[in-house]
Structures are given as C-alpha cells and as structure tokens.
Amino acid sequence: MTYKKGDRVALVHTTDPHTELQPGDEGTVRRYDAGLSTLRVAWDSGSTLSMLLDDGDEVRSA
C-alpha cells in the first residue's frame, strides 16, 4: 500500500514493547519511505512512533 502525507491511519499492531499506543489509536501520516517501508506518523495521542512495516508493524486506513 502507498501512503501520502495527510492520510489518516489507525494502528493494528506494533512490535514496539515500549509504546503506549494501542490498537485502534489514530494518527496522521507525515512521511512514507517506500524503500525502507517506514511510515512516520503523528499520532493523535502525541506519540511520534514510526511504523516499520517490514518488521511487523501494521496500520489500516482510518
């Protein structure tokens, strides 16, 4: 899937054991790097955790 700046996403799953984000949390895409499969998200909760899509993180359209 391709993401563009401003798209809204919701967290499905993250492999980060230290985040307080929960499935269903929503945020706004800030940048998508297809080459690295990295999605930078400004989460509504204030978190800026990036999603590593090739490492098990998963989001869906919100």
PDB file of N, CA and C in Angstrom:
ATOM      1  N   MET A   1       0.842  -1.184   0.000  1.00  0.00           N
ATOM      2  CA  MET A   1       0.000   0.000   0.000  1.00  0.00           C
ATOM      3  C   MET A   1       0.885   1.243   0.000  1.00  0.00           C
ATOM      4  N   THR A   2       0.393   2.305  -0.620  1.00  0.00           N
ATOM      5  CA  THR A   2       1.110   3.570  -0.656  1.00  0.00           C
ATOM      6  C   THR A   2       0.402   4.570   0.246  1.00  0.00           C
ATOM      7  N   TYR A   3       1.179   5.306   1.000  1.00  0.00           N
ATOM      8  CA  TYR A   3       0.642   6.320   1.902  1.00  0.00           C
ATOM      9  C   TYR A   3       1.157   7.671   1.451  1.00  0.00           C
ATOM     10  N   LYS A   4       0.366   8.714   1.685  1.00  0.00           N
ATOM     11  CA  LYS A   4       0.833  10.063   1.382  1.00  0.00           C
ATOM     12  C   LYS A   4       0.585  10.961   2.590  1.00  0.00           C
ATOM     13  N   LYS A   5       1.344  12.025   2.641  1.00  0.00           N
ATOM     14  CA  LYS A   5       1.249  12.964   3.744  1.00  0.00           C
ATOM     15  C   LYS A   5      -0.203  13.413   3.908  1.00  0.00           C
ATOM     16  N   GLY A   6      -0.673  13.369   5.136  1.00  0.00           N
ATOM     17  CA  GLY A   6      -2.032  13.782   5.438  1.00  0.00           C
ATOM     18  C   GLY A   6      -3.027  12.642   5.545  1.00  0.00           C
ATOM     19  N   ASP A   7      -2.660  11.439   5.050  1.00  0.00           N
ATOM     20  CA  ASP A   7      -3.545  10.283   5.195  1.00  0.00           C
ATOM     21  C   ASP A   7      -3.760   9.983   6.667  1.00  0.00           C
ATOM     22  N   ARG A   8      -4.952   9.528   6.988  1.00  0.00           N
ATOM     23  CA  ARG A   8      -5.260   9.118   8.360  1.00  0.00           C
ATOM     24  C   ARG A   8      -5.132   7.601   8.452  1.00  0.00           C
ATOM     25  N   VAL A   9      -4.457   7.137   9.502  1.00  0.00           N
ATOM     26  CA  VAL A   9      -4.269   5.712   9.724  1.00  0.00           C
ATOM     27  C   VAL A   9      -4.643   5.351  11.157  1.00  0.00           C
ATOM     28  N   ALA A  10      -4.914   4.066  11.349  1.00  0.00           N
ATOM     29  CA  ALA A  10      -5.179   3.539  12.686  1.00  0.00           C
ATOM     30  C   ALA A  10      -4.229   2.365  12.916  1.00  0.00           C
ATOM     31  N   LEU A  11      -3.750   2.253  14.127  1.00  0.00           N
ATOM     32  CA  LEU A  11      -2.826   1.179  14.481  1.00  0.00           C
ATOM     33  C   LEU A  11      -3.562  -0.150  14.549  1.00  0.00           C
ATOM     34  N   VAL A  12      -2.987  -1.153  13.895  1.00  0.00           N
ATOM     35  CA  VAL A  12      -3.484  -2.521  14.005  1.00  0.00           C
ATOM     36  C   VAL A  12      -2.589  -3.284  14.979  1.00  0.00           C
ATOM     37  N   HIS A  13      -1.249  -3.148  14.774  1.00  0.00           N
ATOM     38  CA  HIS A  13      -0.287  -3.875  15.609  1.00  0.00           C
ATOM     39  C   HIS A  13       1.078  -3.190  15.518  1.00  0.00           C
ATOM     40  N   THR A  14       1.797  -3.168  16.634  1.00  0.00           N
ATOM     41  CA  THR A  14       3.190  -2.728  16.629  1.00  0.00           C
ATOM     42  C   THR A  14       4.028  -3.713  17.424  1.00  0.00           C
ATOM     43  N   THR A  15       5.269  -3.883  16.997  1.00  0.00           N
ATOM     44  CA  THR A  15       6.196  -4.770  17.693  1.00  0.00           C
ATOM     45  C   THR A  15       6.979  -4.030  18.775  1.00  0.00           C
ATOM     46  N   ASP A  16       6.763  -2.730  18.912  1.00  0.00           N
ATOM     47  CA  ASP A  16       7.488  -1.928  19.904  1.00  0.00           C
ATOM     48  C   ASP A  16       6.923  -2.213  21.298  1.00  0.00           C
ATOM     49  N   PRO A  17       7.720  -2.819  22.182  1.00  0.00           N
ATOM     50  CA  PRO A  17       7.222  -3.167  23.514  1.00  0.00           C
ATOM     51  C   PRO A  17       7.142  -1.980  24.470  1.00  0.00           C
ATOM     52  N   HIS A  18       7.687  -0.833  24.079  1.00  0.00           N
ATOM     53  CA  HIS A  18       7.763   0.304  24.991  1.00  0.00           C
ATOM     54  C   HIS A  18       6.724   1.384  24.728  1.00  0.00           C
ATOM     55  N   THR A  19       5.962   1.256  23.653  1.00  0.00           N
ATOM     56  CA  THR A  19       4.989   2.283  23.313  1.00  0.00           C
ATOM     57  C   THR A  19       3.707   2.125  24.132  1.00  0.00           C
ATOM     58  N   GLU A  20       3.031   3.237  24.334  1.00  0.00           N
ATOM     59  CA  GLU A  20       1.730   3.202  24.996  1.00  0.00           C
ATOM     60  C   GLU A  20       0.593   3.188  23.974  1.00  0.00           C
ATOM     61  N   LEU A  21       0.945   3.194  22.677  1.00  0.00           N
ATOM     62  CA  LEU A  21      -0.083   3.120  21.647  1.00  0.00           C
ATOM     63  C   LEU A  21      -0.820   1.793  21.735  1.00  0.00           C
ATOM     64  N   GLN A  22      -2.111   1.838  21.448  1.00  0.00           N
ATOM     65  CA  GLN A  22      -2.962   0.658  21.488  1.00  0.00           C
ATOM     66  C   GLN A  22      -3.627   0.459  20.133  1.00  0.00           C
ATOM     67  N   PRO A  23      -3.972  -0.770  19.769  1.00  0.00           N
ATOM     68  CA  PRO A  23      -4.700  -0.993  18.524  1.00  0.00           C
ATOM     69  C   PRO A  23      -5.939  -0.090  18.460  1.00  0.00           C
ATOM     70  N   GLY A  24      -6.129   0.531  17.305  1.00  0.00           N
ATOM     71  CA  GLY A  24      -7.246   1.455  17.120  1.00  0.00           C
ATOM     72  C   GLY A  24      -6.849   2.912  17.253  1.00  0.00           C
ATOM     73  N   ASP A  25      -5.700   3.193  17.902  1.00  0.00           N
ATOM     74  CA  ASP A  25      -5.235   4.580  18.002  1.00  0.00           C
ATOM     75  C   ASP A  25      -5.017   5.129  16.599  1.00  0.00           C
ATOM     76  N   GLU A  26      -5.373   6.396  16.400  1.00  0.00           N
ATOM     77  CA  GLU A  26      -5.292   7.005  15.080  1.00  0.00           C
ATOM     78  C   GLU A  26      -4.240   8.100  15.015  1.00  0.00           C
ATOM     79  N   GLY A  27      -3.776   8.359  13.794  1.00  0.00           N
ATOM     80  CA  GLY A  27      -2.793   9.405  13.573  1.00  0.00           C
ATOM     81  C   GLY A  27      -2.779   9.837  12.122  1.00  0.00           C
ATOM     82  N   THR A  28      -1.918  10.817  11.838  1.00  0.00           N
ATOM     83  CA  THR A  28      -1.792  11.400  10.504  1.00  0.00           C
ATOM     84  C   THR A  28      -0.411  11.100   9.949  1.00  0.00           C
ATOM     85  N   VAL A  29      -0.379  10.600   8.722  1.00  0.00           N
ATOM     86  CA  VAL A  29       0.894  10.291   8.062  1.00  0.00           C
ATOM     87  C   VAL A  29       1.661  11.585   7.819  1.00  0.00           C
ATOM     88  N   ARG A  30       2.924  11.586   8.210  1.00  0.00           N
ATOM     89  CA  ARG A  30       3.817  12.714   7.963  1.00  0.00           C
ATOM     90  C   ARG A  30       4.757  12.428   6.801  1.00  0.00           C
ATOM     91  N   ARG A  31       5.161  11.141   6.649  1.00  0.00           N
ATOM     92  CA  ARG A  31       6.077  10.767   5.562  1.00  0.00           C
ATOM     93  C   ARG A  31       6.043   9.255   5.395  1.00  0.00           C
ATOM     94  N   TYR A  32       6.138   8.832   4.148  1.00  0.00           N
ATOM     95  CA  TYR A  32       6.226   7.409   3.834  1.00  0.00           C
ATOM     96  C   TYR A  32       7.451   7.176   2.971  1.00  0.00           C
ATOM     97  N   ASP A  33       8.324   6.277   3.402  1.00  0.00           N
ATOM     98  CA  ASP A  33       9.511   5.905   2.641  1.00  0.00           C
ATOM     99  C   ASP A  33       9.307   4.471   2.158  1.00  0.00           C
ATOM    100  N   ALA A  34       8.914   4.332   0.902  1.00  0.00           N
ATOM    101  CA  ALA A  34       8.624   3.007   0.342  1.00  0.00           C
ATOM    102  C   ALA A  34       9.867   2.128   0.313  1.00  0.00           C
ATOM    103  N   GLY A  35      11.029   2.717   0.070  1.00  0.00           N
ATOM    104  CA  GLY A  35      12.268   1.952   0.011  1.00  0.00           C
ATOM    105  C   GLY A  35      12.625   1.289   1.326  1.00  0.00           C
ATOM    106  N   LEU A  36      12.329   1.962   2.417  1.00  0.00           N
ATOM    107  CA  LEU A  36      12.613   1.428   3.755  1.00  0.00           C
ATOM    108  C   LEU A  36      11.375   0.851   4.417  1.00  0.00           C
ATOM    109  N   SER A  37      10.224   0.983   3.773  1.00  0.00           N
ATOM    110  CA  SER A  37       8.933   0.559   4.342  1.00  0.00           C
ATOM    111  C   SER A  37       8.727   1.169   5.722  1.00  0.00           C
ATOM    112  N   THR A  38       9.025   2.464   5.818  1.00  0.00           N
ATOM    113  CA  THR A  38       8.882   3.199   7.068  1.00  0.00           C
ATOM    114  C   THR A  38       7.803   4.256   6.921  1.00  0.00           C
ATOM    115  N   LEU A  39       6.911   4.295   7.886  1.00  0.00           N
ATOM    116  CA  LEU A  39       5.806   5.236   7.878  1.00  0.00           C
ATOM    117  C   LEU A  39       5.918   6.123   9.120  1.00  0.00           C
ATOM    118  N   ARG A  40       6.152   7.411   8.893  1.00  0.00           N
ATOM    119  CA  ARG A  40       6.227   8.356  10.017  1.00  0.00           C
ATOM    120  C   ARG A  40       4.822   8.869  10.277  1.00  0.00           C
ATOM    121  N   VAL A  41       4.388   8.752  11.531  1.00  0.00           N
ATOM    122  CA  VAL A  41       3.017   9.100  11.903  1.00  0.00           C
ATOM    123  C   VAL A  41       3.033  10.055  13.090  1.00  0.00           C
ATOM    124  N   ALA A  42       2.191  11.083  13.021  1.00  0.00           N
ATOM    125  CA  ALA A  42       1.928  11.949  14.169  1.00  0.00           C
ATOM    126  C   ALA A  42       0.637  11.418  14.788  1.00  0.00           C
ATOM    127  N   TRP A  43       0.789  10.635  15.834  1.00  0.00           N
ATOM    128  CA  TRP A  43      -0.366  10.017  16.479  1.00  0.00           C
ATOM    129  C   TRP A  43      -1.159  11.059  17.261  1.00  0.00           C
ATOM    130  N   ASP A  44      -2.470  10.899  17.279  1.00  0.00           N
ATOM    131  CA  ASP A  44      -3.339  11.847  17.985  1.00  0.00           C
ATOM    132  C   ASP A  44      -3.004  11.935  19.471  1.00  0.00           C
ATOM    133  N   SER A  45      -2.425  10.883  20.023  1.00  0.00           N
ATOM    134  CA  SER A  45      -2.054  10.850  21.442  1.00  0.00           C
ATOM    135  C   SER A  45      -0.817  11.691  21.734  1.00  0.00           C
ATOM    136  N   GLY A  46      -0.133  12.149  20.675  1.00  0.00           N
ATOM    137  CA  GLY A  46       1.095  12.916  20.861  1.00  0.00           C
ATOM    138  C   GLY A  46       2.343  12.117  20.547  1.00  0.00           C
ATOM    139  N   SER A  47       2.216  10.809  20.418  1.00  0.00           N
ATOM    140  CA  SER A  47       3.354   9.959  20.068  1.00  0.00           C
ATOM    141  C   SER A  47       3.793  10.240  18.631  1.00  0.00           C
ATOM    142  N   THR A  48       5.080  10.064  18.373  1.00  0.00           N
ATOM    143  CA  THR A  48       5.611  10.211  17.017  1.00  0.00           C
ATOM    144  C   THR A  48       6.248   8.904  16.548  1.00  0.00           C
ATOM    145  N   LEU A  49       5.837   7.792  17.137  1.00  0.00           N
ATOM    146  CA  LEU A  49       6.392   6.494  16.792  1.00  0.00           C
ATOM    147  C   LEU A  49       6.196   6.199  15.312  1.00  0.00           C
ATOM    148  N   SER A  50       7.293   5.859  14.633  1.00  0.00           N
ATOM    149  CA  SER A  50       7.233   5.461  13.225  1.00  0.00           C
ATOM    150  C   SER A  50       6.890   3.983  13.138  1.00  0.00           C
ATOM    151  N   MET A  51       6.224   3.618  12.072  1.00  0.00           N
ATOM    152  CA  MET A  51       5.858   2.229  11.829  1.00  0.00           C
ATOM    153  C   MET A  51       6.875   1.598  10.888  1.00  0.00           C
ATOM    154  N   LEU A  52       7.415   0.458  11.281  1.00  0.00           N
ATOM    155  CA  LEU A  52       8.363  -0.295  10.471  1.00  0.00           C
ATOM    156  C   LEU A  52       7.573  -1.435   9.833  1.00  0.00           C
ATOM    157  N   LEU A  53       7.059  -1.171   8.644  1.00  0.00           N
ATOM    158  CA  LEU A  53       6.091  -2.068   8.029  1.00  0.00           C
ATOM    159  C   LEU A  53       6.681  -3.423   7.638  1.00  0.00           C
ATOM    160  N   ASP A  54       7.980  -3.511   7.401  1.00  0.00           N
ATOM    161  CA  ASP A  54       8.612  -4.796   7.086  1.00  0.00           C
ATOM    162  C   ASP A  54       9.026  -5.562   8.341  1.00  0.00           C
ATOM    163  N   ASP A  55       8.869  -4.941   9.496  1.00  0.00           N
ATOM    164  CA  ASP A  55       9.283  -5.573  10.752  1.00  0.00           C
ATOM    165  C   ASP A  55       8.099  -5.944  11.638  1.00  0.00           C
ATOM    166  N   GLY A  56       6.910  -6.015  11.063  1.00  0.00           N
ATOM    167  CA  GLY A  56       5.762  -6.484  11.827  1.00  0.00           C
ATOM    168  C   GLY A  56       4.756  -5.436  12.255  1.00  0.00           C
ATOM    169  N   ASP A  57       5.091  -4.145  12.092  1.00  0.00           N
ATOM    170  CA  ASP A  57       4.115  -3.102  12.418  1.00  0.00           C
ATOM    171  C   ASP A  57       3.045  -3.061  11.346  1.00  0.00           C
ATOM    172  N   GLU A  58       1.813  -2.760  11.742  1.00  0.00           N
ATOM    173  CA  GLU A  58       0.707  -2.755  10.790  1.00  0.00           C
ATOM    174  C   GLU A  58      -0.282  -1.635  11.121  1.00  0.00           C
ATOM    175  N   VAL A  59      -0.710  -0.934  10.087  1.00  0.00           N
ATOM    176  CA  VAL A  59      -1.745   0.100  10.210  1.00  0.00           C
ATOM    177  C   VAL A  59      -2.797  -0.145   9.140  1.00  0.00           C
ATOM    178  N   ARG A  60      -3.945   0.497   9.311  1.00  0.00           N
ATOM    179  CA  ARG A  60      -5.005   0.461   8.309  1.00  0.00           C
ATOM    180  C   ARG A  60      -5.490   1.880   8.104  1.00  0.00           C
ATOM    181  N   SER A  61      -6.237   2.112   7.046  1.00  0.00           N
ATOM    182  CA  SER A  61      -6.828   3.424   6.823  1.00  0.00           C
ATOM    183  C   SER A  61      -7.843   3.700   7.921  1.00  0.00           C
ATOM    184  N   ALA A  62      -7.853   4.946   8.379  1.00  0.00           N
ATOM    185  CA  ALA A  62      -8.784   5.310   9.465  1.00  0.00           C
ATOM    186  C   ALA A  62     -10.054   5.891   8.888  1.00  0.00           C
TER     187      ALA A  62
END
